Amino acid sequence: MALFLLTYGYHETDLRAQRRDDHVAYLNTLRDGGSLVAAGPYEDGSGGAILLDAEDHAAAENLVAGDPFTQLDVTKDRYLRAWKVTVGGVTG
């Protein structure tokens, strides 16, 4: 397994507020299944980040594709890349 960091911004759309519960429920499902390490919005509300634990890049892309925010195009400028922790650790 490897870590993948997704960063993104938000489109100006009412769907963000309307579908937030679905987005969070999906993230909780990923967490419960061991695929989500951490997730949350930036403090200024301009976007957010999701840290995933996946077999490979394709598997991480599939996890991102299942998110209602991705499916409804609530997020923009999505950038998914492998992330190698070299100092410290990540706890969820």
PDB file of N, CA and C in Angstrom:
ATOM      1  N   MET A   1       0.843  -1.176   0.000  1.00  0.00           N
ATOM      2  CA  MET A   1       0.000   0.000   0.000  1.00  0.00           C
ATOM      3  C   MET A   1       0.890   1.242   0.000  1.00  0.00           C
ATOM      4  N   ALA A   2       0.336   2.311  -0.503  1.00  0.00           N
ATOM      5  CA  ALA A   2       1.066   3.564  -0.600  1.00  0.00           C
ATOM      6  C   ALA A   2       0.126   4.712  -0.251  1.00  0.00           C
ATOM      7  N   LEU A   3       0.705   5.833   0.132  1.00  0.00           N
ATOM      8  CA  LEU A   3      -0.082   7.018   0.440  1.00  0.00           C
ATOM      9  C   LEU A   3      -0.224   7.892  -0.802  1.00  0.00           C
ATOM     10  N   PHE A   4      -1.416   8.455  -0.959  1.00  0.00           N
ATOM     11  CA  PHE A   4      -1.721   9.372  -2.058  1.00  0.00           C
ATOM     12  C   PHE A   4      -2.425  10.583  -1.477  1.00  0.00           C
ATOM     13  N   LEU A   5      -1.953  11.757  -1.873  1.00  0.00           N
ATOM     14  CA  LEU A   5      -2.521  13.006  -1.389  1.00  0.00           C
ATOM     15  C   LEU A   5      -3.329  13.648  -2.503  1.00  0.00           C
ATOM     16  N   LEU A   6      -4.602  13.904  -2.211  1.00  0.00           N
ATOM     17  CA  LEU A   6      -5.482  14.620  -3.128  1.00  0.00           C
ATOM     18  C   LEU A   6      -5.676  16.025  -2.585  1.00  0.00           C
ATOM     19  N   THR A   7      -5.385  17.027  -3.407  1.00  0.00           N
ATOM     20  CA  THR A   7      -5.697  18.408  -3.055  1.00  0.00           C
ATOM     21  C   THR A   7      -6.698  18.923  -4.076  1.00  0.00           C
ATOM     22  N   TYR A   8      -7.542  19.862  -3.654  1.00  0.00           N
ATOM     23  CA  TYR A   8      -8.580  20.351  -4.551  1.00  0.00           C
ATOM     24  C   TYR A   8      -9.117  21.695  -4.070  1.00  0.00           C
ATOM     25  N   GLY A   9      -9.778  22.392  -4.990  1.00  0.00           N
ATOM     26  CA  GLY A   9     -10.526  23.600  -4.674  1.00  0.00           C
ATOM     27  C   GLY A   9     -12.005  23.314  -4.861  1.00  0.00           C
ATOM     28  N   TYR A  10     -12.822  24.324  -4.645  1.00  0.00           N
ATOM     29  CA  TYR A  10     -14.274  24.171  -4.789  1.00  0.00           C
ATOM     30  C   TYR A  10     -14.801  25.065  -5.906  1.00  0.00           C
ATOM     31  N   HIS A  11     -15.753  24.534  -6.680  1.00  0.00           N
ATOM     32  CA  HIS A  11     -16.530  25.355  -7.605  1.00  0.00           C
ATOM     33  C   HIS A  11     -17.558  26.127  -6.782  1.00  0.00           C
ATOM     34  N   GLU A  12     -17.960  27.264  -7.273  1.00  0.00           N
ATOM     35  CA  GLU A  12     -19.039  28.016  -6.643  1.00  0.00           C
ATOM     36  C   GLU A  12     -20.354  27.345  -7.026  1.00  0.00           C
ATOM     37  N   THR A  13     -20.889  26.539  -6.117  1.00  0.00           N
ATOM     38  CA  THR A  13     -22.123  25.804  -6.392  1.00  0.00           C
ATOM     39  C   THR A  13     -22.840  25.499  -5.080  1.00  0.00           C
ATOM     40  N   ASP A  14     -24.161  25.532  -5.133  1.00  0.00           N
ATOM     41  CA  ASP A  14     -24.966  25.176  -3.962  1.00  0.00           C
ATOM     42  C   ASP A  14     -24.852  23.692  -3.634  1.00  0.00           C
ATOM     43  N   LEU A  15     -24.382  22.891  -4.604  1.00  0.00           N
ATOM     44  CA  LEU A  15     -24.258  21.450  -4.374  1.00  0.00           C
ATOM     45  C   LEU A  15     -23.279  21.137  -3.246  1.00  0.00           C
ATOM     46  N   ARG A  16     -22.313  22.020  -3.006  1.00  0.00           N
ATOM     47  CA  ARG A  16     -21.347  21.771  -1.931  1.00  0.00           C
ATOM     48  C   ARG A  16     -22.075  21.619  -0.596  1.00  0.00           C
ATOM     49  N   ALA A  17     -22.938  22.545  -0.268  1.00  0.00           N
ATOM     50  CA  ALA A  17     -23.685  22.473   0.993  1.00  0.00           C
ATOM     51  C   ALA A  17     -24.739  21.375   0.945  1.00  0.00           C
ATOM     52  N   GLN A  18     -25.393  21.230  -0.191  1.00  0.00           N
ATOM     53  CA  GLN A  18     -26.472  20.254  -0.318  1.00  0.00           C
ATOM     54  C   GLN A  18     -25.985  18.818  -0.211  1.00  0.00           C
ATOM     55  N   ARG A  19     -24.777  18.537  -0.681  1.00  0.00           N
ATOM     56  CA  ARG A  19     -24.285  17.158  -0.718  1.00  0.00           C
ATOM     57  C   ARG A  19     -23.130  16.899   0.242  1.00  0.00           C
ATOM     58  N   ARG A  20     -22.857  17.840   1.143  1.00  0.00           N
ATOM     59  CA  ARG A  20     -21.757  17.676   2.099  1.00  0.00           C
ATOM     60  C   ARG A  20     -21.923  16.414   2.927  1.00  0.00           C
ATOM     61  N   ASP A  21     -23.143  16.138   3.400  1.00  0.00           N
ATOM     62  CA  ASP A  21     -23.368  14.935   4.220  1.00  0.00           C
ATOM     63  C   ASP A  21     -23.029  13.662   3.443  1.00  0.00           C
ATOM     64  N   ASP A  22     -23.362  13.627   2.154  1.00  0.00           N
ATOM     65  CA  ASP A  22     -23.030  12.465   1.325  1.00  0.00           C
ATOM     66  C   ASP A  22     -21.516  12.323   1.180  1.00  0.00           C
ATOM     67  N   HIS A  23     -20.837  13.453   0.984  1.00  0.00           N
ATOM     68  CA  HIS A  23     -19.373  13.474   0.865  1.00  0.00           C
ATOM     69  C   HIS A  23     -18.734  12.941   2.144  1.00  0.00           C
ATOM     70  N   VAL A  24     -19.168  13.442   3.288  1.00  0.00           N
ATOM     71  CA  VAL A  24     -18.605  13.017   4.571  1.00  0.00           C
ATOM     72  C   VAL A  24     -18.926  11.548   4.838  1.00  0.00           C
ATOM     73  N   ALA A  25     -20.125  11.108   4.503  1.00  0.00           N
ATOM     74  CA  ALA A  25     -20.485   9.691   4.675  1.00  0.00           C
ATOM     75  C   ALA A  25     -19.568   8.813   3.837  1.00  0.00           C
ATOM     76  N   TYR A  26     -19.280   9.228   2.612  1.00  0.00           N
ATOM     77  CA  TYR A  26     -18.379   8.456   1.751  1.00  0.00           C
ATOM     78  C   TYR A  26     -16.984   8.402   2.368  1.00  0.00           C
ATOM     79  N   LEU A  27     -16.494   9.532   2.849  1.00  0.00           N
ATOM     80  CA  LEU A  27     -15.169   9.552   3.481  1.00  0.00           C
ATOM     81  C   LEU A  27     -15.137   8.647   4.711  1.00  0.00           C
ATOM     82  N   ASN A  28     -16.207   8.636   5.486  1.00  0.00           N
ATOM     83  CA  ASN A  28     -16.264   7.750   6.653  1.00  0.00           C
ATOM     84  C   ASN A  28     -16.241   6.285   6.237  1.00  0.00           C
ATOM     85  N   THR A  29     -16.889   5.960   5.124  1.00  0.00           N
ATOM     86  CA  THR A  29     -16.846   4.594   4.602  1.00  0.00           C
ATOM     87  C   THR A  29     -15.424   4.214   4.219  1.00  0.00           C
ATOM     88  N   LEU A  30     -14.713   5.140   3.565  1.00  0.00           N
ATOM     89  CA  LEU A  30     -13.310   4.885   3.217  1.00  0.00           C
ATOM     90  C   LEU A  30     -12.462   4.700   4.473  1.00  0.00           C
ATOM     91  N   ARG A  31     -12.701   5.540   5.471  1.00  0.00           N
ATOM     92  CA  ARG A  31     -11.955   5.422   6.728  1.00  0.00           C
ATOM     93  C   ARG A  31     -12.209   4.066   7.374  1.00  0.00           C
ATOM     94  N   ASP A  32     -13.460   3.680   7.440  1.00  0.00           N
ATOM     95  CA  ASP A  32     -13.815   2.408   8.072  1.00  0.00           C
ATOM     96  C   ASP A  32     -13.204   1.221   7.323  1.00  0.00           C
ATOM     97  N   GLY A  33     -13.019   1.368   6.015  1.00  0.00           N
ATOM     98  CA  GLY A  33     -12.419   0.315   5.205  1.00  0.00           C
ATOM     99  C   GLY A  33     -10.900   0.363   5.166  1.00  0.00           C
ATOM    100  N   GLY A  34     -10.311   1.366   5.811  1.00  0.00           N
ATOM    101  CA  GLY A  34      -8.860   1.465   5.878  1.00  0.00           C
ATOM    102  C   GLY A  34      -8.201   2.214   4.739  1.00  0.00           C
ATOM    103  N   SER A  35      -8.990   2.818   3.857  1.00  0.00           N
ATOM    104  CA  SER A  35      -8.416   3.526   2.709  1.00  0.00           C
ATOM    105  C   SER A  35      -8.186   5.005   2.953  1.00  0.00           C
ATOM    106  N   LEU A  36      -8.844   5.582   3.959  1.00  0.00           N
ATOM    107  CA  LEU A  36      -8.686   6.999   4.239  1.00  0.00           C
ATOM    108  C   LEU A  36      -7.859   7.184   5.496  1.00  0.00           C
ATOM    109  N   VAL A  37      -6.811   7.976   5.391  1.00  0.00           N
ATOM    110  CA  VAL A  37      -5.951   8.279   6.531  1.00  0.00           C
ATOM    111  C   VAL A  37      -6.428   9.547   7.218  1.00  0.00           C
ATOM    112  N   ALA A  38      -6.703  10.591   6.440  1.00  0.00           N
ATOM    113  CA  ALA A  38      -7.150  11.870   6.985  1.00  0.00           C
ATOM    114  C   ALA A  38      -7.789  12.674   5.863  1.00  0.00           C
ATOM    115  N   ALA A  39      -8.683  13.580   6.229  1.00  0.00           N
ATOM    116  CA  ALA A  39      -9.325  14.441   5.240  1.00  0.00           C
ATOM    117  C   ALA A  39      -9.867  15.676   5.933  1.00  0.00           C
ATOM    118  N   GLY A  40      -9.935  16.754   5.189  1.00  0.00           N
ATOM    119  CA  GLY A  40     -10.542  17.958   5.727  1.00  0.00           C
ATOM    120  C   GLY A  40     -10.334  19.154   4.836  1.00  0.00           C
ATOM    121  N   PRO A  41     -11.148  20.195   5.085  1.00  0.00           N
ATOM    122  CA  PRO A  41     -11.034  21.421   4.296  1.00  0.00           C
ATOM    123  C   PRO A  41      -9.909  22.305   4.829  1.00  0.00           C
ATOM    124  N   TYR A  42      -9.444  23.188   3.952  1.00  0.00           N
ATOM    125  CA  TYR A  42      -8.505  24.214   4.400  1.00  0.00           C
ATOM    126  C   TYR A  42      -9.251  25.172   5.316  1.00  0.00           C
ATOM    127  N   GLU A  43      -8.545  25.767   6.234  1.00  0.00           N
ATOM    128  CA  GLU A  43      -9.170  26.663   7.207  1.00  0.00           C
ATOM    129  C   GLU A  43      -9.910  27.820   6.532  1.00  0.00           C
ATOM    130  N   ASP A  44      -9.403  28.277   5.391  1.00  0.00           N
ATOM    131  CA  ASP A  44     -10.045  29.408   4.712  1.00  0.00           C
ATOM    132  C   ASP A  44     -11.226  28.997   3.834  1.00  0.00           C
ATOM    133  N   GLY A  45     -11.516  27.689   3.758  1.00  0.00           N
ATOM    134  CA  GLY A  45     -12.663  27.208   3.003  1.00  0.00           C
ATOM    135  C   GLY A  45     -12.481  27.187   1.498  1.00  0.00           C
ATOM    136  N   SER A  46     -11.270  27.407   1.014  1.00  0.00           N
ATOM    137  CA  SER A  46     -11.035  27.474  -0.427  1.00  0.00           C
ATOM    138  C   SER A  46     -10.884  26.104  -1.085  1.00  0.00           C
ATOM    139  N   GLY A  47     -10.725  25.067  -0.294  1.00  0.00           N
ATOM    140  CA  GLY A  47     -10.521  23.727  -0.824  1.00  0.00           C
ATOM    141  C   GLY A  47     -10.226  22.777   0.307  1.00  0.00           C
ATOM    142  N   GLY A  48      -9.564  21.673  -0.020  1.00  0.00           N
ATOM    143  CA  GLY A  48      -9.256  20.707   1.019  1.00  0.00           C
ATOM    144  C   GLY A  48      -8.236  19.695   0.541  1.00  0.00           C
ATOM    145  N   ALA A  49      -7.989  18.716   1.407  1.00  0.00           N
ATOM    146  CA  ALA A  49      -7.031  17.658   1.107  1.00  0.00           C
ATOM    147  C   ALA A  49      -7.538  16.346   1.689  1.00  0.00           C
ATOM    148  N   ILE A  50      -7.219  15.270   0.992  1.00  0.00           N
ATOM    149  CA  ILE A  50      -7.580  13.926   1.434  1.00  0.00           C
ATOM    150  C   ILE A  50      -6.330  13.061   1.286  1.00  0.00           C
ATOM    151  N   LEU A  51      -5.988  12.354   2.353  1.00  0.00           N
ATOM    152  CA  LEU A  51      -4.847  11.447   2.333  1.00  0.00           C
ATOM    153  C   LEU A  51      -5.382  10.021   2.293  1.00  0.00           C
ATOM    154  N   LEU A  52      -5.050   9.315   1.210  1.00  0.00           N
ATOM    155  CA  LEU A  52      -5.551   7.966   0.973  1.00  0.00           C
ATOM    156  C   LEU A  52      -4.440   6.942   1.071  1.00  0.00           C
ATOM    157  N   ASP A  53      -4.796   5.746   1.475  1.00  0.00           N
ATOM    158  CA  ASP A  53      -3.895   4.601   1.486  1.00  0.00           C
ATOM    159  C   ASP A  53      -4.447   3.620   0.448  1.00  0.00           C
ATOM    160  N   ALA A  54      -3.726   3.447  -0.653  1.00  0.00           N
ATOM    161  CA  ALA A  54      -4.226   2.631  -1.752  1.00  0.00           C
ATOM    162  C   ALA A  54      -3.109   1.779  -2.337  1.00  0.00           C
ATOM    163  N   GLU A  55      -3.488   0.749  -3.061  1.00  0.00           N
ATOM    164  CA  GLU A  55      -2.543  -0.181  -3.675  1.00  0.00           C
ATOM    165  C   GLU A  55      -1.645   0.517  -4.696  1.00  0.00           C
ATOM    166  N   ASP A  56      -2.257   1.363  -5.520  1.00  0.00           N
ATOM    167  CA  ASP A  56      -1.509   2.068  -6.547  1.00  0.00           C
ATOM    168  C   ASP A  56      -2.302   3.301  -6.975  1.00  0.00           C
ATOM    169  N   HIS A  57      -1.756   4.050  -7.936  1.00  0.00           N
ATOM    170  CA  HIS A  57      -2.397   5.303  -8.355  1.00  0.00           C
ATOM    171  C   HIS A  57      -3.794   5.054  -8.921  1.00  0.00           C
ATOM    172  N   ALA A  58      -3.952   3.994  -9.691  1.00  0.00           N
ATOM    173  CA  ALA A  58      -5.261   3.681 -10.274  1.00  0.00           C
ATOM    174  C   ALA A  58      -6.296   3.409  -9.186  1.00  0.00           C
ATOM    175  N   ALA A  59      -5.899   2.697  -8.151  1.00  0.00           N
ATOM    176  CA  ALA A  59      -6.818   2.419  -7.037  1.00  0.00           C
ATOM    177  C   ALA A  59      -7.183   3.708  -6.312  1.00  0.00           C
ATOM    178  N   ALA A  60      -6.221   4.587  -6.126  1.00  0.00           N
ATOM    179  CA  ALA A  60      -6.494   5.881  -5.487  1.00  0.00           C
ATOM    180  C   ALA A  60      -7.446   6.708  -6.346  1.00  0.00           C
ATOM    181  N   GLU A  61      -7.245   6.696  -7.661  1.00  0.00           N
ATOM    182  CA  GLU A  61      -8.145   7.409  -8.567  1.00  0.00           C
ATOM    183  C   GLU A  61      -9.564   6.873  -8.462  1.00  0.00           C
ATOM    184  N   ASN A  62      -9.709   5.568  -8.315  1.00  0.00           N
ATOM    185  CA  ASN A  62     -11.043   4.971  -8.166  1.00  0.00           C
ATOM    186  C   ASN A  62     -11.712   5.431  -6.874  1.00  0.00           C
ATOM    187  N   LEU A  63     -10.939   5.558  -5.808  1.00  0.00           N
ATOM    188  CA  LEU A  63     -11.495   6.053  -4.550  1.00  0.00           C
ATOM    189  C   LEU A  63     -11.985   7.491  -4.710  1.00  0.00           C
ATOM    190  N   VAL A  64     -11.192   8.310  -5.378  1.00  0.00           N
ATOM    191  CA  VAL A  64     -11.575   9.704  -5.620  1.00  0.00           C
ATOM    192  C   VAL A  64     -12.826   9.757  -6.498  1.00  0.00           C
ATOM    193  N   ALA A  65     -12.890   8.908  -7.508  1.00  0.00           N
ATOM    194  CA  ALA A  65     -14.031   8.894  -8.430  1.00  0.00           C
ATOM    195  C   ALA A  65     -15.335   8.531  -7.736  1.00  0.00           C
ATOM    196  N   GLY A  66     -15.275   7.793  -6.643  1.00  0.00           N
ATOM    197  CA  GLY A  66     -16.478   7.405  -5.917  1.00  0.00           C
ATOM    198  C   GLY A  66     -17.044   8.485  -5.016  1.00  0.00           C
ATOM    199  N   ASP A  67     -16.308   9.550  -4.811  1.00  0.00           N
ATOM    200  CA  ASP A  67     -16.746  10.634  -3.925  1.00  0.00           C
ATOM    201  C   ASP A  67     -17.862  11.436  -4.593  1.00  0.00           C
ATOM    202  N   PRO A  68     -18.983  11.645  -3.898  1.00  0.00           N
ATOM    203  CA  PRO A  68     -20.055  12.455  -4.481  1.00  0.00           C
ATOM    204  C   PRO A  68     -19.596  13.850  -4.916  1.00  0.00           C
ATOM    205  N   PHE A  69     -18.654  14.448  -4.206  1.00  0.00           N
ATOM    206  CA  PHE A  69     -18.152  15.765  -4.618  1.00  0.00           C
ATOM    207  C   PHE A  69     -17.449  15.677  -5.970  1.00  0.00           C
ATOM    208  N   THR A  70     -16.760  14.585  -6.244  1.00  0.00           N
ATOM    209  CA  THR A  70     -16.129  14.399  -7.549  1.00  0.00           C
ATOM    210  C   THR A  70     -17.196  14.140  -8.601  1.00  0.00           C
ATOM    211  N   GLN A  71     -18.127  13.263  -8.306  1.00  0.00           N
ATOM    212  CA  GLN A  71     -19.165  12.894  -9.264  1.00  0.00           C
ATOM    213  C   GLN A  71     -20.026  14.082  -9.674  1.00  0.00           C
ATOM    214  N   LEU A  72     -20.270  15.010  -8.734  1.00  0.00           N
ATOM    215  CA  LEU A  72     -21.119  16.174  -9.011  1.00  0.00           C
ATOM    216  C   LEU A  72     -20.305  17.396  -9.435  1.00  0.00           C
ATOM    217  N   ASP A  73     -19.000  17.230  -9.590  1.00  0.00           N
ATOM    218  CA  ASP A  73     -18.104  18.308 -10.000  1.00  0.00           C
ATOM    219  C   ASP A  73     -18.139  19.485  -9.018  1.00  0.00           C
ATOM    220  N   VAL A  74     -18.257  19.164  -7.730  1.00  0.00           N
ATOM    221  CA  VAL A  74     -18.197  20.197  -6.693  1.00  0.00           C
ATOM    222  C   VAL A  74     -16.763  20.683  -6.536  1.00  0.00           C
ATOM    223  N   THR A  75     -15.817  19.771  -6.706  1.00  0.00           N
ATOM    224  CA  THR A  75     -14.409  20.132  -6.554  1.00  0.00           C
ATOM    225  C   THR A  75     -13.780  20.446  -7.908  1.00  0.00           C
ATOM    226  N   LYS A  76     -12.730  21.247  -7.872  1.00  0.00           N
ATOM    227  CA  LYS A  76     -12.001  21.607  -9.085  1.00  0.00           C
ATOM    228  C   LYS A  76     -10.508  21.519  -8.791  1.00  0.00           C
ATOM    229  N   ASP A  77      -9.746  21.592  -9.831  1.00  0.00           N
ATOM    230  CA  ASP A  77      -8.286  21.586  -9.687  1.00  0.00           C
ATOM    231  C   ASP A  77      -7.811  20.426  -8.821  1.00  0.00           C
ATOM    232  N   ARG A  78      -8.438  19.258  -9.026  1.00  0.00           N
ATOM    233  CA  ARG A  78      -8.047  18.071  -8.264  1.00  0.00           C
ATOM    234  C   ARG A  78      -6.644  17.631  -8.693  1.00  0.00           C
ATOM    235  N   TYR A  79      -5.805  17.383  -7.711  1.00  0.00           N
ATOM    236  CA  TYR A  79      -4.442  16.948  -7.989  1.00  0.00           C
ATOM    237  C   TYR A  79      -4.127  15.783  -7.068  1.00  0.00           C
ATOM    238  N   LEU A  80      -3.943  14.604  -7.639  1.00  0.00           N
ATOM    239  CA  LEU A  80      -3.678  13.382  -6.884  1.00  0.00           C
ATOM    240  C   LEU A  80      -2.260  12.927  -7.189  1.00  0.00           C
ATOM    241  N   ARG A  81      -1.488  12.739  -6.133  1.00  0.00           N
ATOM    242  CA  ARG A  81      -0.123  12.261  -6.351  1.00  0.00           C
ATOM    243  C   ARG A  81       0.321  11.407  -5.182  1.00  0.00           C
ATOM    244  N   ALA A  82       1.255  10.508  -5.468  1.00  0.00           N
ATOM    245  CA  ALA A  82       1.831   9.669  -4.417  1.00  0.00           C
ATOM    246  C   ALA A  82       2.591  10.566  -3.451  1.00  0.00           C
ATOM    247  N   TRP A  83       2.538  10.209  -2.172  1.00  0.00           N
ATOM    248  CA  TRP A  83       3.190  11.005  -1.147  1.00  0.00           C
ATOM    249  C   TRP A  83       4.008  10.082  -0.261  1.00  0.00           C
ATOM    250  N   LYS A  84       5.264  10.379  -0.122  1.00  0.00           N
ATOM    251  CA  LYS A  84       6.178   9.562   0.671  1.00  0.00           C
ATOM    252  C   LYS A  84       6.532  10.312   1.959  1.00  0.00           C
ATOM    253  N   VAL A  85       6.119   9.765   3.083  1.00  0.00           N
ATOM    254  CA  VAL A  85       6.458  10.357   4.370  1.00  0.00           C
ATOM    255  C   VAL A  85       7.872   9.942   4.726  1.00  0.00           C
ATOM    256  N   THR A  86       8.753  10.904   4.957  1.00  0.00           N
ATOM    257  CA  THR A  86      10.139  10.590   5.285  1.00  0.00           C
ATOM    258  C   THR A  86      10.513  10.974   6.707  1.00  0.00           C
ATOM    259  N   VAL A  87       9.778  11.929   7.279  1.00  0.00           N
ATOM    260  CA  VAL A  87      10.048  12.351   8.660  1.00  0.00           C
ATOM    261  C   VAL A  87       8.693  12.476   9.357  1.00  0.00           C
ATOM    262  N   GLY A  88       8.616  11.951  10.558  1.00  0.00           N
ATOM    263  CA  GLY A  88       7.375  12.023  11.306  1.00  0.00           C
ATOM    264  C   GLY A  88       6.421  10.929  10.891  1.00  0.00           C
ATOM    265  N   GLY A  89       5.180  11.129  11.216  1.00  0.00           N
ATOM    266  CA  GLY A  89       4.174  10.138  10.888  1.00  0.00           C
ATOM    267  C   GLY A  89       2.803  10.801  10.783  1.00  0.00           C
ATOM    268  N   VAL A  90       1.873  10.042  10.333  1.00  0.00           N
ATOM    269  CA  VAL A  90       0.506  10.529  10.173  1.00  0.00           C
ATOM    270  C   VAL A  90      -0.367   9.640  11.048  1.00  0.00           C
ATOM    271  N   THR A  91      -1.174  10.274  11.883  1.00  0.00           N
ATOM    272  CA  THR A  91      -2.122   9.520  12.696  1.00  0.00           C
ATOM    273  C   THR A  91      -3.510  10.017  12.370  1.00  0.00           C
ATOM    274  N   GLY A  92      -4.461   9.123  12.376  1.00  0.00           N
ATOM    275  CA  GLY A  92      -5.824   9.509  12.021  1.00  0.00           C
ATOM    276  C   GLY A  92      -6.783   9.296  13.135  1.00  0.00           C
TER     277      GLY A  92
END
